[in-house]
């Protein structure tokens, strides 16, 4: 089972379908990509500033560790431990980033996959949202769109 938190921007669209398109699902759990290479994990989640900060701070920490007489093997263990920790914290960092950008937390949903979680969330969320836009095109009304409006080009077709 996986858990996702659902986030909405600070100024959502009025119509429920437009709002649904803007929602962001953030998976809670371990990120292998971030544990193996944090800058790639951050970049994949559009966390550019943390990716840059990781590279700068890690370079400084390893250089300082070696300068103080620590072995390179110990520095490698430190980097490995840090990467595993960051693999667990990627989702928290993503939620923190959304929160600082003005996004609001709508809820949490659990399921077997992202598709199941989305379905479960929208089944409970969509009925409570207002419908603003209505489709009144002839295609939606079941008419042939070529016959609507100015008419069929060769008169009426029976």
Foldseek 3Di string as FASTA:
>chain_A
DWKWWKKFAQDFDQAPVSRLVRIDTQTAFFAPVQLVPVLVVCVVLVNNVVSVVCVVVLVVVLVVCVVVPHDVVVSVVVSNVVSRVVRNCVSVVSVVVRVVNRMDTPGMFDDDDPVVRSVVVCVPPVVVGDHDDDDPQVVVVVHDNCQPDPGNPVHHDD
